[in-house]
Structures are given as structure tokens and as C-alpha cells.
N, C-alpha and C. Protein backbone atom coordinates (compact mmCIF):
# COMPACT_ATOMS: atom_id res chain seq x y z
N MET A 1 -83.87 151.59 18.38
CA MET A 1 -82.81 152.57 18.33
C MET A 1 -81.62 152.00 17.55
N VAL A 2 -81.07 152.80 16.68
CA VAL A 2 -79.90 152.40 15.89
C VAL A 2 -78.70 153.19 16.39
N ALA A 3 -77.68 152.48 16.87
CA ALA A 3 -76.49 153.14 17.41
C ALA A 3 -75.46 153.34 16.31
N GLY A 4 -74.77 154.45 16.37
CA GLY A 4 -73.66 154.68 15.47
C GLY A 4 -74.03 154.82 14.01
N VAL A 5 -75.14 155.48 13.71
CA VAL A 5 -75.53 155.68 12.32
C VAL A 5 -74.53 156.62 11.65
N ASP A 6 -74.03 156.22 10.49
CA ASP A 6 -73.07 157.02 9.74
C ASP A 6 -73.75 157.48 8.45
N PRO A 7 -74.31 158.69 8.43
CA PRO A 7 -75.05 159.14 7.25
C PRO A 7 -74.20 159.21 5.99
N TYR A 8 -72.91 159.47 6.13
CA TYR A 8 -72.03 159.55 4.96
C TYR A 8 -71.84 158.17 4.33
N MET A 9 -71.67 157.16 5.17
CA MET A 9 -71.51 155.80 4.65
C MET A 9 -72.82 155.32 4.02
N ILE A 10 -73.94 155.63 4.63
CA ILE A 10 -75.24 155.25 4.06
C ILE A 10 -75.43 155.92 2.70
N GLN A 11 -75.13 157.21 2.62
CA GLN A 11 -75.26 157.93 1.35
C GLN A 11 -74.33 157.34 0.29
N THR A 12 -73.12 156.99 0.68
CA THR A 12 -72.18 156.39 -0.25
C THR A 12 -72.73 155.08 -0.80
N PHE A 13 -73.23 154.21 0.07
CA PHE A 13 -73.78 152.94 -0.39
C PHE A 13 -75.04 153.12 -1.23
N GLN A 14 -75.87 154.11 -0.89
CA GLN A 14 -77.05 154.37 -1.71
C GLN A 14 -76.65 154.79 -3.12
N SER A 15 -75.55 155.53 -3.25
CA SER A 15 -75.10 155.93 -4.58
C SER A 15 -74.49 154.75 -5.34
N LEU A 16 -74.17 153.67 -4.63
CA LEU A 16 -73.57 152.49 -5.26
C LEU A 16 -74.54 151.32 -5.43
N LEU A 17 -75.84 151.57 -5.21
CA LEU A 17 -76.83 150.49 -5.38
C LEU A 17 -76.69 149.86 -6.76
N ARG A 18 -76.76 148.52 -6.79
CA ARG A 18 -76.66 147.71 -8.01
C ARG A 18 -75.31 147.87 -8.71
N THR A 19 -74.28 148.23 -7.93
CA THR A 19 -72.93 148.39 -8.46
C THR A 19 -72.02 147.34 -7.83
N ASN A 20 -71.06 146.84 -8.62
CA ASN A 20 -70.04 145.94 -8.07
C ASN A 20 -69.13 146.75 -7.16
N VAL A 21 -68.85 146.21 -5.97
CA VAL A 21 -68.01 146.91 -5.00
C VAL A 21 -67.06 145.92 -4.32
N VAL A 22 -66.05 146.51 -3.71
CA VAL A 22 -65.18 145.80 -2.77
C VAL A 22 -65.36 146.51 -1.44
N VAL A 23 -65.69 145.73 -0.40
CA VAL A 23 -65.90 146.29 0.93
C VAL A 23 -64.88 145.68 1.88
N GLN A 24 -64.09 146.53 2.53
CA GLN A 24 -63.16 146.06 3.56
C GLN A 24 -63.87 146.15 4.90
N THR A 25 -64.02 145.01 5.57
CA THR A 25 -64.62 144.99 6.91
C THR A 25 -63.52 144.68 7.91
N THR A 26 -63.88 144.71 9.18
CA THR A 26 -62.92 144.37 10.22
C THR A 26 -62.55 142.89 10.15
N GLU A 27 -63.32 142.09 9.41
CA GLU A 27 -63.06 140.65 9.29
C GLU A 27 -62.45 140.26 7.95
N GLY A 28 -62.42 141.16 6.98
CA GLY A 28 -61.84 140.84 5.67
C GLY A 28 -62.61 141.51 4.54
N LEU A 29 -62.29 141.11 3.30
CA LEU A 29 -62.91 141.69 2.11
C LEU A 29 -64.20 140.98 1.74
N VAL A 30 -65.15 141.75 1.22
CA VAL A 30 -66.38 141.21 0.62
C VAL A 30 -66.49 141.85 -0.76
N ARG A 31 -66.62 141.01 -1.80
CA ARG A 31 -66.78 141.50 -3.18
C ARG A 31 -68.13 141.06 -3.68
N GLY A 32 -68.90 142.02 -4.21
CA GLY A 32 -70.21 141.69 -4.75
C GLY A 32 -70.95 142.94 -5.18
N VAL A 33 -72.27 142.80 -5.29
CA VAL A 33 -73.13 143.89 -5.75
C VAL A 33 -73.94 144.41 -4.57
N VAL A 34 -73.99 145.73 -4.44
CA VAL A 34 -74.80 146.33 -3.38
C VAL A 34 -76.27 146.11 -3.72
N ALA A 35 -76.95 145.33 -2.89
CA ALA A 35 -78.34 144.97 -3.15
C ALA A 35 -79.33 145.83 -2.36
N ASP A 36 -78.94 146.26 -1.15
CA ASP A 36 -79.85 147.03 -0.31
C ASP A 36 -79.04 147.81 0.72
N VAL A 37 -79.61 148.92 1.19
CA VAL A 37 -78.96 149.76 2.20
C VAL A 37 -79.97 150.08 3.28
N LYS A 38 -79.61 149.81 4.52
CA LYS A 38 -80.44 150.14 5.68
C LYS A 38 -79.64 151.06 6.60
N ALA A 39 -80.27 151.53 7.67
CA ALA A 39 -79.59 152.46 8.58
C ALA A 39 -78.41 151.83 9.29
N ASP A 40 -78.46 150.52 9.55
CA ASP A 40 -77.39 149.88 10.31
C ASP A 40 -76.62 148.81 9.55
N HIS A 41 -77.05 148.46 8.33
CA HIS A 41 -76.34 147.43 7.57
C HIS A 41 -76.58 147.60 6.07
N VAL A 42 -75.72 146.95 5.29
CA VAL A 42 -75.91 146.88 3.85
C VAL A 42 -75.97 145.41 3.46
N VAL A 43 -76.62 145.14 2.34
CA VAL A 43 -76.70 143.79 1.82
C VAL A 43 -75.84 143.74 0.56
N ILE A 44 -74.85 142.86 0.58
CA ILE A 44 -73.97 142.67 -0.57
C ILE A 44 -74.29 141.30 -1.16
N ASP A 45 -74.66 141.29 -2.44
CA ASP A 45 -74.99 140.04 -3.13
C ASP A 45 -73.70 139.44 -3.69
N VAL A 46 -73.31 138.29 -3.15
CA VAL A 46 -72.11 137.59 -3.60
C VAL A 46 -72.55 136.26 -4.21
N LYS A 47 -72.49 136.17 -5.53
CA LYS A 47 -72.91 134.96 -6.25
C LYS A 47 -74.32 134.52 -5.84
N ASN A 48 -75.25 135.48 -5.83
CA ASN A 48 -76.65 135.24 -5.47
C ASN A 48 -76.84 134.80 -4.02
N CYS A 49 -75.89 135.11 -3.17
CA CYS A 49 -75.99 134.83 -1.74
C CYS A 49 -75.85 136.16 -1.00
N PRO A 50 -76.88 136.56 -0.23
CA PRO A 50 -76.81 137.85 0.44
C PRO A 50 -75.89 137.83 1.67
N PHE A 51 -75.02 138.83 1.74
CA PHE A 51 -74.19 139.03 2.93
C PHE A 51 -74.69 140.30 3.60
N PHE A 52 -75.06 140.21 4.87
CA PHE A 52 -75.54 141.35 5.64
C PHE A 52 -74.38 141.89 6.45
N VAL A 53 -73.91 143.08 6.08
CA VAL A 53 -72.70 143.65 6.69
C VAL A 53 -73.09 144.87 7.51
N ARG A 54 -72.76 144.84 8.79
CA ARG A 54 -73.03 145.99 9.65
C ARG A 54 -72.16 147.17 9.24
N ILE A 55 -72.76 148.33 9.13
CA ILE A 55 -72.03 149.53 8.72
C ILE A 55 -70.89 149.84 9.70
N GLN A 56 -71.09 149.57 10.99
CA GLN A 56 -70.05 149.83 11.98
C GLN A 56 -68.82 148.95 11.76
N GLN A 57 -68.95 147.86 11.02
CA GLN A 57 -67.83 146.96 10.77
C GLN A 57 -67.09 147.26 9.46
N ILE A 58 -67.55 148.28 8.73
CA ILE A 58 -66.96 148.61 7.44
C ILE A 58 -65.83 149.61 7.62
N VAL A 59 -64.67 149.29 7.01
CA VAL A 59 -63.50 150.17 7.05
C VAL A 59 -63.51 151.09 5.84
N TRP A 60 -63.70 150.50 4.63
CA TRP A 60 -63.79 151.29 3.40
C TRP A 60 -64.57 150.53 2.35
N VAL A 61 -64.98 151.26 1.32
CA VAL A 61 -65.70 150.67 0.19
C VAL A 61 -65.24 151.37 -1.07
N LYS A 62 -65.17 150.62 -2.18
CA LYS A 62 -64.85 151.25 -3.46
C LYS A 62 -65.56 150.49 -4.57
N PRO A 63 -65.93 151.20 -5.63
CA PRO A 63 -66.51 150.53 -6.80
C PRO A 63 -65.47 149.58 -7.39
N SER A 64 -65.96 148.54 -8.05
CA SER A 64 -65.05 147.54 -8.59
C SER A 64 -65.51 147.09 -9.96
N ILE A 65 -64.55 146.75 -10.82
CA ILE A 65 -64.90 146.15 -12.10
C ILE A 65 -64.87 144.63 -11.98
N TYR A 66 -64.46 144.14 -10.80
CA TYR A 66 -64.39 142.71 -10.54
C TYR A 66 -65.79 142.10 -10.58
N ARG A 67 -65.93 141.01 -11.32
CA ARG A 67 -67.21 140.29 -11.38
C ARG A 67 -66.96 138.82 -11.18
N GLU A 68 -67.75 138.23 -10.31
CA GLU A 68 -67.67 136.78 -10.10
C GLU A 68 -68.27 136.07 -11.30
N GLU A 69 -67.60 135.09 -11.79
CA GLU A 69 -68.15 134.27 -12.88
C GLU A 69 -69.03 133.20 -12.27
N ASP A 70 -70.24 133.05 -12.79
CA ASP A 70 -71.17 132.03 -12.26
C ASP A 70 -70.81 130.66 -12.75
């Protein structure tokens, strides 16, 4: 069972797959590329390191032109 599914947030992240984003969570900002979207979390690729962010912890998301230099 998945608690607190937010279909609007899931749809938003699905539309941003493989896009650079800035995600504000309850713990701070995450900048990277949306790599995957699940019912309860998203995977943000930050410098080839996956960050698994629970959707319930996300405050807002926006597309970004910011790119990490390798």
C-alpha cells in the first residue's frame, strides 16, 4: 500500500523526465536530472549519483537550466 499518493506531482515529474530540475524538499534543495518516477518517490540524478526523494517530502519542483559541471 502506498500512502499519500499525489497524482498531480507524479504527472508533473513524468513530464520532466530527463530534464534538469530544482526540487525543494523539507530538508533542502536537490538539483539534478529526473531519472525515474514511482508512485511514492522520484529519482534525481545528481552528478551520476541517484537521490531517492519521497514525494511526500517535496514542497515544489521547477525546471532548471542549471547544470553541474563534471
